[in-house]
Amino acid sequence: MRSVTLFIAASLDGYIARRDGGIDWLHGQDDSGDDMAGFDDFIQDIDTVIMGWNTYHQISTELSREKWPYRGLTAYVMTHRTPPQTKEDIHFVDQDVCELTADLKRRPGKGIWICGGAGVIRPLLQGRMIDRLHISVIPVLLGEGISLFGGVEQKLRLLRSQSCNGITDLVYEVE
């Protein structure tokens, strides 16, 4: 069965975005440093990505307007909206995220990446659908915003940690 990994960045106080969805704080302590040290290794074992509409919209309109950054991966965007036409292996689905993930886990393939946001992450954690957490802790305190875990309780086992440019990657197995 395929594994499911949440790979996401969060502020030191546990937020994945400002209250208005802003992510201008997502960078290390030095402009010239490498902010994505663990991502290149992680993505080698992934062929599927799941994200919510807000995450998709932010990626496609703010972060990477010119080209889809996850080319070569099959993407599932969770939405109740009437989606644009499916393109570049991007599938817009109006389905329970836990049911979709359970179905994808049974199919052959590499790992499944949960990209965001909170409305996708929380039900998957509550449903015990995520096997591993890879949290990149950004050296900033936001004070408020969109909480990564929002009251979800889960026991974890630390597998490894590493730091680069002030960002600490924490990789946990879900128990």
C-alpha atoms as a PDB file:
ATOM      1  CA  MET A   1       0.000   0.000   0.000  1.00  0.00           C
ATOM      2  CA  ARG A   2       1.254   3.503  -0.860  1.00  0.00           C
ATOM      3  CA  SER A   3       2.339   5.841   1.921  1.00  0.00           C
ATOM      4  CA  VAL A   4       0.821   9.271   2.545  1.00  0.00           C
ATOM      5  CA  THR A   5       3.061  12.132   3.687  1.00  0.00           C
ATOM      6  CA  LEU A   6       2.132  15.615   4.768  1.00  0.00           C
ATOM      7  CA  PHE A   7       5.012  17.849   3.601  1.00  0.00           C
ATOM      8  CA  ILE A   8       4.359  21.451   4.580  1.00  0.00           C
ATOM      9  CA  ALA A   9       5.945  24.548   6.074  1.00  0.00           C
ATOM     10  CA  ALA A  10       4.698  26.140   9.283  1.00  0.00           C
ATOM     11  CA  SER A  11       5.701  29.036  11.487  1.00  0.00           C
ATOM     12  CA  LEU A  12       7.336  28.180  14.803  1.00  0.00           C
ATOM     13  CA  ASP A  13       3.979  28.846  16.487  1.00  0.00           C
ATOM     14  CA  GLY A  14       2.170  26.382  14.187  1.00  0.00           C
ATOM     15  CA  TYR A  15       0.531  28.452  11.441  1.00  0.00           C
ATOM     16  CA  ILE A  16       0.591  27.606   7.727  1.00  0.00           C
ATOM     17  CA  ALA A  17      -0.593  31.048   6.583  1.00  0.00           C
ATOM     18  CA  ARG A  18      -1.609  34.422   7.906  1.00  0.00           C
ATOM     19  CA  ARG A  19      -5.311  34.850   8.674  1.00  0.00           C
ATOM     20  CA  ASP A  20      -5.777  36.363   5.183  1.00  0.00           C
ATOM     21  CA  GLY A  21      -3.928  33.403   3.599  1.00  0.00           C
ATOM     22  CA  GLY A  22      -0.672  35.332   3.125  1.00  0.00           C
ATOM     23  CA  ILE A  23       2.561  33.345   2.973  1.00  0.00           C
ATOM     24  CA  ASP A  24       5.101  36.115   2.387  1.00  0.00           C
ATOM     25  CA  TRP A  25       6.982  34.876   5.478  1.00  0.00           C
ATOM     26  CA  LEU A  26       7.862  31.477   3.924  1.00  0.00           C
ATOM     27  CA  HIS A  27      11.637  31.795   3.692  1.00  0.00           C
ATOM     28  CA  GLY A  28      14.723  31.116   5.731  1.00  0.00           C
ATOM     29  CA  GLN A  29      16.732  33.585   7.742  1.00  0.00           C
ATOM     30  CA  ASP A  30      19.089  34.549   4.895  1.00  0.00           C
ATOM     31  CA  ASP A  31      17.927  35.522   1.405  1.00  0.00           C
ATOM     32  CA  SER A  32      20.850  33.696  -0.190  1.00  0.00           C
ATOM     33  CA  GLY A  33      20.285  30.409   1.664  1.00  0.00           C
ATOM     34  CA  ASP A  34      18.610  27.204   0.468  1.00  0.00           C
ATOM     35  CA  ASP A  35      15.025  27.140   1.730  1.00  0.00           C
ATOM     36  CA  MET A  36      14.051  23.762   0.262  1.00  0.00           C
ATOM     37  CA  ALA A  37      16.832  21.469   1.451  1.00  0.00           C
ATOM     38  CA  GLY A  38      14.644  18.413   2.077  1.00  0.00           C
ATOM     39  CA  PHE A  39      12.163  18.831  -0.777  1.00  0.00           C
ATOM     40  CA  ASP A  40      14.331  17.492  -3.628  1.00  0.00           C
ATOM     41  CA  ASP A  41      14.919  14.196  -1.802  1.00  0.00           C
ATOM     42  CA  PHE A  42      11.287  13.948  -0.718  1.00  0.00           C
ATOM     43  CA  ILE A  43       9.756  14.466  -4.170  1.00  0.00           C
ATOM     44  CA  GLN A  44      11.746  11.584  -5.723  1.00  0.00           C
ATOM     45  CA  ASP A  45       9.415   9.087  -4.036  1.00  0.00           C
ATOM     46  CA  ILE A  46       6.151  10.900  -4.873  1.00  0.00           C
ATOM     47  CA  ASP A  47       3.886  10.640  -7.914  1.00  0.00           C
ATOM     48  CA  THR A  48       0.602  12.016  -6.534  1.00  0.00           C
ATOM     49  CA  VAL A  49      -0.254  15.284  -4.776  1.00  0.00           C
ATOM     50  CA  ILE A  50      -3.488  16.241  -2.998  1.00  0.00           C
ATOM     51  CA  MET A  51      -4.359  19.820  -2.120  1.00  0.00           C
ATOM     52  CA  GLY A  52      -7.322  22.053  -1.404  1.00  0.00           C
ATOM     53  CA  TRP A  53      -8.660  24.735  -3.737  1.00  0.00           C
ATOM     54  CA  ASN A  54      -7.048  27.613  -1.825  1.00  0.00           C
ATOM     55  CA  THR A  55      -3.621  25.965  -2.024  1.00  0.00           C
ATOM     56  CA  TYR A  56      -4.065  25.287  -5.743  1.00  0.00           C
ATOM     57  CA  HIS A  57      -5.238  28.843  -6.377  1.00  0.00           C
ATOM     58  CA  GLN A  58      -2.299  30.316  -4.453  1.00  0.00           C
ATOM     59  CA  ILE A  59       0.207  28.160  -6.332  1.00  0.00           C
ATOM     60  CA  SER A  60      -1.255  28.876  -9.764  1.00  0.00           C
ATOM     61  CA  THR A  61      -1.908  32.611  -9.308  1.00  0.00           C
ATOM     62  CA  GLU A  62       0.840  33.789  -6.926  1.00  0.00           C
ATOM     63  CA  LEU A  63       3.707  31.356  -6.526  1.00  0.00           C
ATOM     64  CA  SER A  64       4.039  29.892 -10.015  1.00  0.00           C
ATOM     65  CA  ARG A  65       1.885  31.745 -12.550  1.00  0.00           C
ATOM     66  CA  GLU A  66       3.886  30.799 -15.615  1.00  0.00           C
ATOM     67  CA  LYS A  67       3.994  27.014 -15.242  1.00  0.00           C
ATOM     68  CA  TRP A  68       2.605  24.332 -13.000  1.00  0.00           C
ATOM     69  CA  PRO A  69       5.443  23.435 -10.575  1.00  0.00           C
ATOM     70  CA  TYR A  70       4.312  19.837 -10.031  1.00  0.00           C
ATOM     71  CA  ARG A  71       4.524  18.741 -13.653  1.00  0.00           C
ATOM     72  CA  GLY A  72       4.930  14.964 -13.800  1.00  0.00           C
ATOM     73  CA  LEU A  73       2.834  14.400 -10.672  1.00  0.00           C
ATOM     74  CA  THR A  74      -0.856  13.552 -10.743  1.00  0.00           C
ATOM     75  CA  ALA A  75      -2.604  16.290  -8.762  1.00  0.00           C
ATOM     76  CA  TYR A  76      -5.982  16.133  -7.065  1.00  0.00           C
ATOM     77  CA  VAL A  77      -7.554  19.449  -6.067  1.00  0.00           C
ATOM     78  CA  MET A  78     -10.361  19.169  -3.535  1.00  0.00           C
ATOM     79  CA  THR A  79     -13.115  21.658  -4.387  1.00  0.00           C
ATOM     80  CA  HIS A  80     -16.868  22.219  -4.315  1.00  0.00           C
ATOM     81  CA  ARG A  81     -16.508  24.893  -7.001  1.00  0.00           C
ATOM     82  CA  THR A  82     -17.193  24.295 -10.647  1.00  0.00           C
ATOM     83  CA  PRO A  83     -13.627  23.541 -11.652  1.00  0.00           C
ATOM     84  CA  PRO A  84     -11.768  24.758 -14.695  1.00  0.00           C
ATOM     85  CA  GLN A  85     -11.001  22.147 -17.325  1.00  0.00           C
ATOM     86  CA  THR A  86      -8.700  19.403 -16.130  1.00  0.00           C
ATOM     87  CA  LYS A  87      -5.201  19.991 -17.478  1.00  0.00           C
ATOM     88  CA  GLU A  88      -1.637  18.788 -17.004  1.00  0.00           C
ATOM     89  CA  ASP A  89      -2.651  15.844 -14.809  1.00  0.00           C
ATOM     90  CA  ILE A  90      -4.660  18.118 -12.492  1.00  0.00           C
ATOM     91  CA  HIS A  91      -7.993  16.616 -11.428  1.00  0.00           C
ATOM     92  CA  PHE A  92     -10.582  18.774  -9.667  1.00  0.00           C
ATOM     93  CA  VAL A  93     -12.687  16.560  -7.413  1.00  0.00           C
ATOM     94  CA  ASP A  94     -15.698  17.097  -5.193  1.00  0.00           C
ATOM     95  CA  GLN A  95     -15.286  14.056  -2.979  1.00  0.00           C
ATOM     96  CA  ASP A  96     -14.501  13.292   0.642  1.00  0.00           C
ATOM     97  CA  VAL A  97     -10.707  13.646   0.973  1.00  0.00           C
ATOM     98  CA  CYS A  98     -10.445  10.543   3.187  1.00  0.00           C
ATOM     99  CA  GLU A  99     -12.314   8.414   0.632  1.00  0.00           C
ATOM    100  CA  LEU A 100     -10.139   9.725  -2.205  1.00  0.00           C
ATOM    101  CA  THR A 101      -6.957   9.088  -0.232  1.00  0.00           C
ATOM    102  CA  ALA A 102      -8.032   5.557   0.735  1.00  0.00           C
ATOM    103  CA  ASP A 103      -8.750   4.810  -2.937  1.00  0.00           C
ATOM    104  CA  LEU A 104      -5.390   6.224  -4.069  1.00  0.00           C
ATOM    105  CA  LYS A 105      -3.517   4.257  -1.384  1.00  0.00           C
ATOM    106  CA  ARG A 106      -4.857   1.016  -2.869  1.00  0.00           C
ATOM    107  CA  ARG A 107      -3.680   1.869  -6.394  1.00  0.00           C
ATOM    108  CA  PRO A 108      -0.156   1.054  -7.537  1.00  0.00           C
ATOM    109  CA  GLY A 109       2.335   3.871  -7.540  1.00  0.00           C
ATOM    110  CA  LYS A 110       4.763   5.888  -5.494  1.00  0.00           C
ATOM    111  CA  GLY A 111       3.968   7.963  -2.415  1.00  0.00           C
ATOM    112  CA  ILE A 112       1.130  10.434  -1.997  1.00  0.00           C
ATOM    113  CA  TRP A 113       1.913  13.998  -0.904  1.00  0.00           C
ATOM    114  CA  ILE A 114      -0.578  16.043   1.074  1.00  0.00           C
ATOM    115  CA  CYS A 115       0.353  19.607   0.108  1.00  0.00           C
ATOM    116  CA  GLY A 116      -2.285  21.631   1.996  1.00  0.00           C
ATOM    117  CA  GLY A 117      -4.377  23.274   3.283  1.00  0.00           C
ATOM    118  CA  ALA A 118      -5.882  22.891   6.698  1.00  0.00           C
ATOM    119  CA  GLY A 119      -9.269  21.705   5.384  1.00  0.00           C
ATOM    120  CA  VAL A 120      -7.535  18.780   3.680  1.00  0.00           C
ATOM    121  CA  ILE A 121      -4.984  18.030   6.396  1.00  0.00           C
ATOM    122  CA  ARG A 122      -7.232  17.895   9.457  1.00  0.00           C
ATOM    123  CA  PRO A 123      -9.753  15.284   8.239  1.00  0.00           C
ATOM    124  CA  LEU A 124      -6.888  13.099   7.004  1.00  0.00           C
ATOM    125  CA  LEU A 125      -5.159  13.274  10.395  1.00  0.00           C
ATOM    126  CA  GLN A 126      -8.425  12.627  12.230  1.00  0.00           C
ATOM    127  CA  GLY A 127      -9.101   9.678   9.918  1.00  0.00           C
ATOM    128  CA  ARG A 128      -5.567   8.311  10.487  1.00  0.00           C
ATOM    129  CA  MET A 129      -4.856   8.499   6.740  1.00  0.00           C
ATOM    130  CA  ILE A 130      -1.443  10.218   7.006  1.00  0.00           C
ATOM    131  CA  ASP A 131       1.571   7.994   7.635  1.00  0.00           C
ATOM    132  CA  ARG A 132       4.324  10.588   7.925  1.00  0.00           C
ATOM    133  CA  LEU A 133       4.647  14.305   8.683  1.00  0.00           C
ATOM    134  CA  HIS A 134       7.466  16.387   7.191  1.00  0.00           C
ATOM    135  CA  ILE A 135       7.163  19.829   8.752  1.00  0.00           C
ATOM    136  CA  SER A 136       9.554  22.602   7.736  1.00  0.00           C
ATOM    137  CA  VAL A 137       9.548  24.978  10.697  1.00  0.00           C
ATOM    138  CA  ILE A 138      10.149  28.527   9.469  1.00  0.00           C
ATOM    139  CA  PRO A 139      11.984  30.868  11.866  1.00  0.00           C
ATOM    140  CA  VAL A 140       9.091  33.276  12.415  1.00  0.00           C
ATOM    141  CA  LEU A 141       6.322  33.790  14.970  1.00  0.00           C
ATOM    142  CA  LEU A 142       3.052  34.921  13.388  1.00  0.00           C
ATOM    143  CA  GLY A 143       0.948  35.190  16.534  1.00  0.00           C
ATOM    144  CA  GLU A 144      -2.206  34.232  14.650  1.00  0.00           C
ATOM    145  CA  GLY A 145      -3.260  32.763  11.357  1.00  0.00           C
ATOM    146  CA  ILE A 146      -4.439  29.475   9.867  1.00  0.00           C
ATOM    147  CA  SER A 147      -3.443  26.743  12.299  1.00  0.00           C
ATOM    148  CA  LEU A 148      -1.759  23.654  10.886  1.00  0.00           C
ATOM    149  CA  PHE A 149      -3.328  21.198  13.292  1.00  0.00           C
ATOM    150  CA  GLY A 150      -6.269  23.118  14.766  1.00  0.00           C
ATOM    151  CA  GLY A 151      -6.977  20.902  17.756  1.00  0.00           C
ATOM    152  CA  VAL A 152      -6.060  17.535  16.206  1.00  0.00           C
ATOM    153  CA  GLU A 153      -4.361  15.270  18.744  1.00  0.00           C
ATOM    154  CA  GLN A 154      -1.902  12.706  17.377  1.00  0.00           C
ATOM    155  CA  LYS A 155       1.043  10.762  18.833  1.00  0.00           C
ATOM    156  CA  LEU A 156       4.186  10.943  16.682  1.00  0.00           C
ATOM    157  CA  ARG A 157       7.636   9.342  16.552  1.00  0.00           C
ATOM    158  CA  LEU A 158      10.564  11.505  15.412  1.00  0.00           C
ATOM    159  CA  LEU A 159      12.454   9.873  12.533  1.00  0.00           C
ATOM    160  CA  ARG A 160      14.933  12.656  11.751  1.00  0.00           C
ATOM    161  CA  SER A 161      15.586  16.357  11.796  1.00  0.00           C
ATOM    162  CA  GLN A 162      17.852  18.699   9.888  1.00  0.00           C
ATOM    163  CA  SER A 163      18.380  22.449   9.672  1.00  0.00           C
ATOM    164  CA  CYS A 164      19.327  24.673   6.780  1.00  0.00           C
ATOM    165  CA  ASN A 165      19.142  28.455   6.577  1.00  0.00           C
ATOM    166  CA  GLY A 166      17.298  28.621   9.904  1.00  0.00           C
ATOM    167  CA  ILE A 167      14.549  26.255   8.710  1.00  0.00           C
ATOM    168  CA  THR A 168      14.270  23.053  10.710  1.00  0.00           C
ATOM    169  CA  ASP A 169      12.798  20.040   8.936  1.00  0.00           C
ATOM    170  CA  LEU A 170      11.134  17.622  11.340  1.00  0.00           C
ATOM    171  CA  VAL A 171      10.095  14.225   9.995  1.00  0.00           C
ATOM    172  CA  TYR A 172       7.698  12.182  12.112  1.00  0.00           C
ATOM    173  CA  GLU A 173       6.002   8.830  11.710  1.00  0.00           C
ATOM    174  CA  VAL A 174       2.380   8.791  12.849  1.00  0.00           C
ATOM    175  CA  GLU A 175       1.770   6.176  15.536  1.00  0.00           C
END
